[in-house]
All heavy atoms as atom14 arrays in JSON, in Angstrom:
{
  "sequence": "QRELVASITRFGMTYYVDSVKGRFTISRDNAKN",
  "atom14_mask": [
    [1, 1, 1, 1, 1, 1, 1, 1, 1, 0, 0, 0, 0, 0],
    [1, 1, 1, 1, 1, 1, 1, 1, 1, 1, 1, 0, 0, 0],
    [1, 1, 1, 1, 1, 1, 1, 1, 1, 0, 0, 0, 0, 0],
    [1, 1, 1, 1, 1, 1, 1, 1, 0, 0, 0, 0, 0, 0],
    [1, 1, 1, 1, 1, 1, 1, 0, 0, 0, 0, 0, 0, 0],
    [1, 1, 1, 1, 1, 0, 0, 0, 0, 0, 0, 0, 0, 0],
    [1, 1, 1, 1, 1, 1, 0, 0, 0, 0, 0, 0, 0, 0],
    [1, 1, 1, 1, 1, 1, 1, 1, 0, 0, 0, 0, 0, 0],
    [1, 1, 1, 1, 1, 1, 1, 0, 0, 0, 0, 0, 0, 0],
    [1, 1, 1, 1, 1, 1, 1, 1, 1, 1, 1, 0, 0, 0],
    [1, 1, 1, 1, 1, 1, 1, 1, 1, 1, 1, 0, 0, 0],
    [1, 1, 1, 1, 0, 0, 0, 0, 0, 0, 0, 0, 0, 0],
    [1, 1, 1, 1, 1, 1, 1, 1, 0, 0, 0, 0, 0, 0],
    [1, 1, 1, 1, 1, 1, 1, 0, 0, 0, 0, 0, 0, 0],
    [1, 1, 1, 1, 1, 1, 1, 1, 1, 1, 1, 1, 0, 0],
    [1, 1, 1, 1, 1, 1, 1, 1, 1, 1, 1, 1, 0, 0],
    [1, 1, 1, 1, 1, 1, 1, 0, 0, 0, 0, 0, 0, 0],
    [1, 1, 1, 1, 1, 1, 1, 1, 0, 0, 0, 0, 0, 0],
    [1, 1, 1, 1, 1, 1, 0, 0, 0, 0, 0, 0, 0, 0],
    [1, 1, 1, 1, 1, 1, 1, 0, 0, 0, 0, 0, 0, 0],
    [1, 1, 1, 1, 1, 1, 1, 1, 1, 0, 0, 0, 0, 0],
    [1, 1, 1, 1, 0, 0, 0, 0, 0, 0, 0, 0, 0, 0],
    [1, 1, 1, 1, 1, 1, 1, 1, 1, 1, 1, 0, 0, 0],
    [1, 1, 1, 1, 1, 1, 1, 1, 1, 1, 1, 0, 0, 0],
    [1, 1, 1, 1, 1, 1, 1, 0, 0, 0, 0, 0, 0, 0],
    [1, 1, 1, 1, 1, 1, 1, 1, 0, 0, 0, 0, 0, 0],
    [1, 1, 1, 1, 1, 1, 0, 0, 0, 0, 0, 0, 0, 0],
    [1, 1, 1, 1, 1, 1, 1, 1, 1, 1, 1, 0, 0, 0],
    [1, 1, 1, 1, 1, 1, 1, 1, 0, 0, 0, 0, 0, 0],
    [1, 1, 1, 1, 1, 1, 1, 1, 0, 0, 0, 0, 0, 0],
    [1, 1, 1, 1, 1, 0, 0, 0, 0, 0, 0, 0, 0, 0],
    [1, 1, 1, 1, 1, 1, 1, 1, 1, 0, 0, 0, 0, 0],
    [1, 1, 1, 1, 1, 1, 1, 1, 0, 0, 0, 0, 0, 0]
  ],
  "atom14_positions": [
    [[-18.8, 10.62, -6.1], [-17.44, 10.18, -5.77], [-17.45, 8.75, -5.25], [-18.43, 8.31, -4.65], [-16.84, 11.11, -4.71], [-16.35, 12.44, -5.24], [-15.48, 13.16, -4.22], [-15.77, 13.12, -3.03], [-14.42, 13.79, -4.69], [0.0, 0.0, 0.0], [0.0, 0.0, 0.0], [0.0, 0.0, 0.0], [0.0, 0.0, 0.0], [0.0, 0.0, 0.0]],
    [[-16.35, 8.07, -5.49], [-16.2, 6.72, -4.96], [-16.05, 6.82, -3.44], [-15.27, 7.62, -2.93], [-15.0, 6.04, -5.59], [-14.94, 4.56, -5.42], [-13.89, 3.93, -6.32], [-14.29, 3.99, -7.73], [-13.63, 3.38, -8.7], [-12.53, 2.69, -8.42], [-14.04, 3.47, -9.94], [0.0, 0.0, 0.0], [0.0, 0.0, 0.0], [0.0, 0.0, 0.0]],
    [[-16.78, 5.96, -2.74], [-16.82, 6.0, -1.28], [-16.24, 4.72, -0.7], [-16.59, 3.62, -1.15], [-18.28, 6.15, -0.83], [-18.52, 6.01, 0.67], [-19.98, 5.93, 1.03], [-20.73, 5.17, 0.38], [-20.39, 6.61, 1.99], [0.0, 0.0, 0.0], [0.0, 0.0, 0.0], [0.0, 0.0, 0.0], [0.0, 0.0, 0.0], [0.0, 0.0, 0.0]],
    [[-15.39, 4.88, 0.31], [-14.88, 3.7, 1.02], [-15.99, 3.15, 1.9], [-16.52, 3.86, 2.77], [-13.67, 4.06, 1.87], [-13.11, 2.95, 2.76], [-12.66, 1.74, 1.94], [-11.97, 3.48, 3.62], [0.0, 0.0, 0.0], [0.0, 0.0, 0.0], [0.0, 0.0, 0.0], [0.0, 0.0, 0.0], [0.0, 0.0, 0.0], [0.0, 0.0, 0.0]],
    [[-16.3, 1.89, 1.71], [-17.35, 1.23, 2.49], [-16.75, 0.5, 3.68], [-17.22, 0.64, 4.81], [-18.13, 0.23, 1.61], [-19.16, -0.53, 2.44], [-18.78, 0.94, 0.43], [0.0, 0.0, 0.0], [0.0, 0.0, 0.0], [0.0, 0.0, 0.0], [0.0, 0.0, 0.0], [0.0, 0.0, 0.0], [0.0, 0.0, 0.0], [0.0, 0.0, 0.0]],
    [[-15.71, -0.27, 3.43], [-15.07, -1.04, 4.49], [-13.67, -1.42, 4.04], [-13.41, -1.56, 2.85], [-15.88, -2.31, 4.81], [0.0, 0.0, 0.0], [0.0, 0.0, 0.0], [0.0, 0.0, 0.0], [0.0, 0.0, 0.0], [0.0, 0.0, 0.0], [0.0, 0.0, 0.0], [0.0, 0.0, 0.0], [0.0, 0.0, 0.0], [0.0, 0.0, 0.0]],
    [[-12.79, -1.59, 5.02], [-11.43, -2.03, 4.71], [-10.93, -2.93, 5.82], [-11.45, -2.92, 6.95], [-10.49, -0.83, 4.52], [-10.35, -0.11, 5.74], [0.0, 0.0, 0.0], [0.0, 0.0, 0.0], [0.0, 0.0, 0.0], [0.0, 0.0, 0.0], [0.0, 0.0, 0.0], [0.0, 0.0, 0.0], [0.0, 0.0, 0.0], [0.0, 0.0, 0.0]],
    [[-9.9, -3.7, 5.49], [-9.31, -4.62, 6.45], [-7.83, -4.75, 6.16], [-7.41, -4.89, 5.02], [-10.03, -5.99, 6.4], [-9.49, -6.92, 7.49], [-9.94, -6.63, 5.01], [-10.37, -8.17, 7.69], [0.0, 0.0, 0.0], [0.0, 0.0, 0.0], [0.0, 0.0, 0.0], [0.0, 0.0, 0.0], [0.0, 0.0, 0.0], [0.0, 0.0, 0.0]],
    [[-7.01, -4.68, 7.21], [-5.58, -4.84, 7.04], [-5.19, -6.32, 7.05], [-6.01, -7.19, 7.36], [-4.81, -4.12, 8.16], [-5.03, -4.84, 9.39], [-5.29, -2.69, 8.32], [0.0, 0.0, 0.0], [0.0, 0.0, 0.0], [0.0, 0.0, 0.0], [0.0, 0.0, 0.0], [0.0, 0.0, 0.0], [0.0, 0.0, 0.0], [0.0, 0.0, 0.0]],
    [[-3.94, -6.58, 6.75], [-3.45, -7.97, 6.78], [-3.62, -8.58, 8.16], [-3.74, -9.81, 8.29], [-1.97, -8.02, 6.42], [-1.67, -7.85, 4.96], [-0.17, -7.94, 4.75], [0.36, -9.22, 5.23], [1.6, -9.4, 5.64], [2.45, -8.39, 5.65], [2.02, -10.58, 6.04], [0.0, 0.0, 0.0], [0.0, 0.0, 0.0], [0.0, 0.0, 0.0]],
    [[-3.63, -7.74, 9.18], [-3.69, -8.24, 10.55], [-5.09, -8.18, 11.13], [-5.27, -8.41, 12.32], [-2.69, -7.48, 11.4], [-1.3, -7.54, 10.84], [-0.75, -6.45, 10.18], [-0.56, -8.72, 10.91], [0.52, -6.52, 9.63], [0.71, -8.8, 10.37], [1.25, -7.7, 9.73], [0.0, 0.0, 0.0], [0.0, 0.0, 0.0], [0.0, 0.0, 0.0]],
    [[-6.06, -7.85, 10.28], [-7.45, -7.96, 10.69], [-8.1, -6.71, 11.24], [-9.25, -6.76, 11.7], [0.0, 0.0, 0.0], [0.0, 0.0, 0.0], [0.0, 0.0, 0.0], [0.0, 0.0, 0.0], [0.0, 0.0, 0.0], [0.0, 0.0, 0.0], [0.0, 0.0, 0.0], [0.0, 0.0, 0.0], [0.0, 0.0, 0.0], [0.0, 0.0, 0.0]],
    [[-7.41, -5.6, 11.2], [-8.03, -4.35, 11.66], [-9.02, -3.87, 10.6], [-8.69, -3.81, 9.43], [-6.98, -3.29, 11.92], [-6.09, -3.59, 13.12], [-4.91, -2.26, 13.43], [-6.02, -0.9, 13.77], [0.0, 0.0, 0.0], [0.0, 0.0, 0.0], [0.0, 0.0, 0.0], [0.0, 0.0, 0.0], [0.0, 0.0, 0.0], [0.0, 0.0, 0.0]],
    [[-10.21, -3.52, 11.05], [-11.28, -3.17, 10.12], [-11.75, -1.73, 10.29], [-11.6, -1.12, 11.35], [-12.48, -4.1, 10.28], [-12.97, -4.02, 11.63], [-12.12, -5.54, 9.96], [0.0, 0.0, 0.0], [0.0, 0.0, 0.0], [0.0, 0.0, 0.0], [0.0, 0.0, 0.0], [0.0, 0.0, 0.0], [0.0, 0.0, 0.0], [0.0, 0.0, 0.0]],
    [[-12.33, -1.24, 9.21], [-12.97, 0.08, 9.2], [-14.28, -0.07, 8.44], [-14.34, -0.78, 7.44], [-12.09, 1.11, 8.5], [-12.86, 2.35, 8.1], [-13.06, 3.39, 8.99], [-13.43, 2.45, 6.82], [-13.8, 4.51, 8.63], [-14.17, 3.56, 6.45], [-14.35, 4.58, 7.36], [-15.09, 5.68, 7.0], [0.0, 0.0, 0.0], [0.0, 0.0, 0.0]],
    [[-15.32, 0.64, 8.93], [-16.6, 0.68, 8.22], [-17.1, 2.12, 8.18], [-17.01, 2.85, 9.18], [-17.66, -0.16, 8.94], [-17.34, -1.63, 9.01], [-16.7, -2.18, 10.11], [-17.7, -2.48, 7.96], [-16.4, -3.53, 10.17], [-17.41, -3.83, 8.01], [-16.77, -4.35, 9.12], [-16.47, -5.69, 9.16], [0.0, 0.0, 0.0], [0.0, 0.0, 0.0]],
    [[-17.67, 2.49, 7.07], [-18.35, 3.78, 7.01], [-19.61, 3.67, 7.88], [-20.19, 2.58, 8.02], [-18.68, 4.15, 5.55], [-19.75, 3.23, 4.97], [-19.07, 5.6, 5.44], [0.0, 0.0, 0.0], [0.0, 0.0, 0.0], [0.0, 0.0, 0.0], [0.0, 0.0, 0.0], [0.0, 0.0, 0.0], [0.0, 0.0, 0.0], [0.0, 0.0, 0.0]],
    [[-20.01, 4.75, 8.48], [-21.11, 4.72, 9.45], [-22.38, 4.1, 8.88], [-23.11, 3.4, 9.58], [-21.41, 6.13, 9.95], [-20.38, 6.64, 10.95], [-19.58, 5.83, 11.44], [-20.38, 7.85, 11.22], [0.0, 0.0, 0.0], [0.0, 0.0, 0.0], [0.0, 0.0, 0.0], [0.0, 0.0, 0.0], [0.0, 0.0, 0.0], [0.0, 0.0, 0.0]],
    [[-22.66, 4.36, 7.61], [-23.93, 3.93, 7.04], [-24.07, 2.41, 6.91], [-25.18, 1.91, 6.69], [-24.13, 4.57, 5.66], [-23.08, 4.22, 4.79], [0.0, 0.0, 0.0], [0.0, 0.0, 0.0], [0.0, 0.0, 0.0], [0.0, 0.0, 0.0], [0.0, 0.0, 0.0], [0.0, 0.0, 0.0], [0.0, 0.0, 0.0], [0.0, 0.0, 0.0]],
    [[-22.98, 1.67, 7.06], [-23.07, 0.2, 6.93], [-22.73, -0.53, 8.22], [-22.83, -1.77, 8.27], [-22.17, -0.32, 5.78], [-22.44, 0.43, 4.49], [-20.7, -0.26, 6.15], [0.0, 0.0, 0.0], [0.0, 0.0, 0.0], [0.0, 0.0, 0.0], [0.0, 0.0, 0.0], [0.0, 0.0, 0.0], [0.0, 0.0, 0.0], [0.0, 0.0, 0.0]],
    [[-22.35, 0.2, 9.25], [-22.0, -0.46, 10.52], [-23.17, -1.27, 11.05], [-24.3, -0.81, 11.06], [-21.57, 0.6, 11.55], [-20.2, 1.18, 11.3], [-19.83, 2.22, 12.35], [-18.44, 2.79, 12.09], [-18.09, 3.86, 13.07], [0.0, 0.0, 0.0], [0.0, 0.0, 0.0], [0.0, 0.0, 0.0], [0.0, 0.0, 0.0], [0.0, 0.0, 0.0]],
    [[-22.87, -2.48, 11.46], [-23.91, -3.37, 11.97], [-24.62, -4.17, 10.9], [-25.38, -5.08, 11.21], [0.0, 0.0, 0.0], [0.0, 0.0, 0.0], [0.0, 0.0, 0.0], [0.0, 0.0, 0.0], [0.0, 0.0, 0.0], [0.0, 0.0, 0.0], [0.0, 0.0, 0.0], [0.0, 0.0, 0.0], [0.0, 0.0, 0.0], [0.0, 0.0, 0.0]],
    [[-24.39, -3.82, 9.63], [-25.05, -4.54, 8.52], [-24.05, -5.27, 7.63], [-24.36, -6.34, 7.12], [-25.86, -3.56, 7.67], [-26.94, -2.82, 8.42], [-27.83, -2.02, 7.47], [-27.11, -0.98, 6.75], [-27.05, -0.92, 5.41], [-27.67, -1.82, 4.66], [-26.39, 0.07, 4.83], [0.0, 0.0, 0.0], [0.0, 0.0, 0.0], [0.0, 0.0, 0.0]],
    [[-22.89, -4.67, 7.42], [-21.86, -5.26, 6.55], [-20.71, -5.78, 7.39], [-20.37, -5.21, 8.43], [-21.31, -4.2, 5.59], [-22.28, -3.72, 4.53], [-23.63, -4.04, 4.56], [-21.82, -2.95, 3.48], [-24.5, -3.6, 3.58], [-22.67, -2.49, 2.49], [-24.01, -2.81, 2.55], [0.0, 0.0, 0.0], [0.0, 0.0, 0.0], [0.0, 0.0, 0.0]],
    [[-20.09, -6.85, 6.91], [-18.91, -7.41, 7.55], [-17.86, -7.7, 6.5], [-18.13, -8.42, 5.54], [-19.24, -8.69, 8.31], [-20.27, -8.43, 9.29], [-18.01, -9.23, 9.02], [0.0, 0.0, 0.0], [0.0, 0.0, 0.0], [0.0, 0.0, 0.0], [0.0, 0.0, 0.0], [0.0, 0.0, 0.0], [0.0, 0.0, 0.0], [0.0, 0.0, 0.0]],
    [[-16.67, -7.14, 6.7], [-15.55, -7.43, 5.8], [-14.66, -8.48, 6.44], [-14.46, -8.48, 7.66], [-14.77, -6.14, 5.46], [-13.76, -6.4, 4.34], [-14.08, -5.56, 6.7], [-13.13, -5.13, 3.77], [0.0, 0.0, 0.0], [0.0, 0.0, 0.0], [0.0, 0.0, 0.0], [0.0, 0.0, 0.0], [0.0, 0.0, 0.0], [0.0, 0.0, 0.0]],
    [[-14.14, -9.37, 5.61], [-13.22, -10.39, 6.11], [-12.24, -10.74, 5.0], [-12.47, -10.4, 3.83], [-13.99, -11.65, 6.56], [-14.72, -12.2, 5.48], [0.0, 0.0, 0.0], [0.0, 0.0, 0.0], [0.0, 0.0, 0.0], [0.0, 0.0, 0.0], [0.0, 0.0, 0.0], [0.0, 0.0, 0.0], [0.0, 0.0, 0.0], [0.0, 0.0, 0.0]],
    [[-11.16, -11.38, 5.37], [-10.2, -11.79, 4.37], [-9.58, -13.12, 4.74], [-9.49, -13.46, 5.92], [-9.12, -10.72, 4.15], [-8.17, -10.47, 5.29], [-7.31, -9.23, 5.02], [-6.27, -9.47, 4.05], [-5.43, -8.53, 3.59], [-5.56, -7.28, 4.02], [-4.49, -8.83, 2.71], [0.0, 0.0, 0.0], [0.0, 0.0, 0.0], [0.0, 0.0, 0.0]],
    [[-9.18, -13.84, 3.72], [-8.48, -15.1, 3.88], [-7.11, -14.92, 3.25], [-6.97, -14.98, 2.03], [-9.28, -16.23, 3.2], [-8.66, -17.59, 3.42], [-7.44, -17.67, 3.64], [-9.41, -18.57, 3.35], [0.0, 0.0, 0.0], [0.0, 0.0, 0.0], [0.0, 0.0, 0.0], [0.0, 0.0, 0.0], [0.0, 0.0, 0.0], [0.0, 0.0, 0.0]],
    [[-6.11, -14.66, 4.08], [-4.77, -14.37, 3.55], [-4.17, -15.56, 2.81], [-3.42, -15.4, 1.87], [-3.85, -13.93, 4.68], [-4.22, -12.56, 5.23], [-4.77, -11.71, 4.53], [-3.93, -12.33, 6.51], [0.0, 0.0, 0.0], [0.0, 0.0, 0.0], [0.0, 0.0, 0.0], [0.0, 0.0, 0.0], [0.0, 0.0, 0.0], [0.0, 0.0, 0.0]],
    [[-4.52, -16.75, 3.22], [-3.97, -17.95, 2.56], [-4.48, -18.08, 1.14], [-3.8, -18.63, 0.26], [-4.32, -19.18, 3.37], [0.0, 0.0, 0.0], [0.0, 0.0, 0.0], [0.0, 0.0, 0.0], [0.0, 0.0, 0.0], [0.0, 0.0, 0.0], [0.0, 0.0, 0.0], [0.0, 0.0, 0.0], [0.0, 0.0, 0.0], [0.0, 0.0, 0.0]],
    [[-5.7, -17.59, 0.9], [-6.31, -17.7, -0.43], [-6.27, -16.38, -1.2], [-6.78, -16.31, -2.32], [-7.76, -18.15, -0.3], [-7.91, -19.54, 0.28], [-9.38, -19.94, 0.36], [-9.55, -21.35, 0.91], [-10.98, -21.74, 0.99], [0.0, 0.0, 0.0], [0.0, 0.0, 0.0], [0.0, 0.0, 0.0], [0.0, 0.0, 0.0], [0.0, 0.0, 0.0]],
    [[-5.71, -15.34, -0.6], [-5.66, -14.01, -1.24], [-7.06, -13.52, -1.6], [-7.3, -13.02, -2.7], [-4.78, -14.02, -2.49], [-3.37, -14.46, -2.2], [-2.88, -14.3, -1.09], [-2.72, -15.03, -3.2], [0.0, 0.0, 0.0], [0.0, 0.0, 0.0], [0.0, 0.0, 0.0], [0.0, 0.0, 0.0], [0.0, 0.0, 0.0], [0.0, 0.0, 0.0]]
  ]
}
């Protein structure tokens, strides 16, 4: 099954699956989409 690894809202709230915490970082640039 497809697994959610990380997500981020428009306002910067993030979620990480336990297996990647501390290793992966999600970020977004709203100005550049």
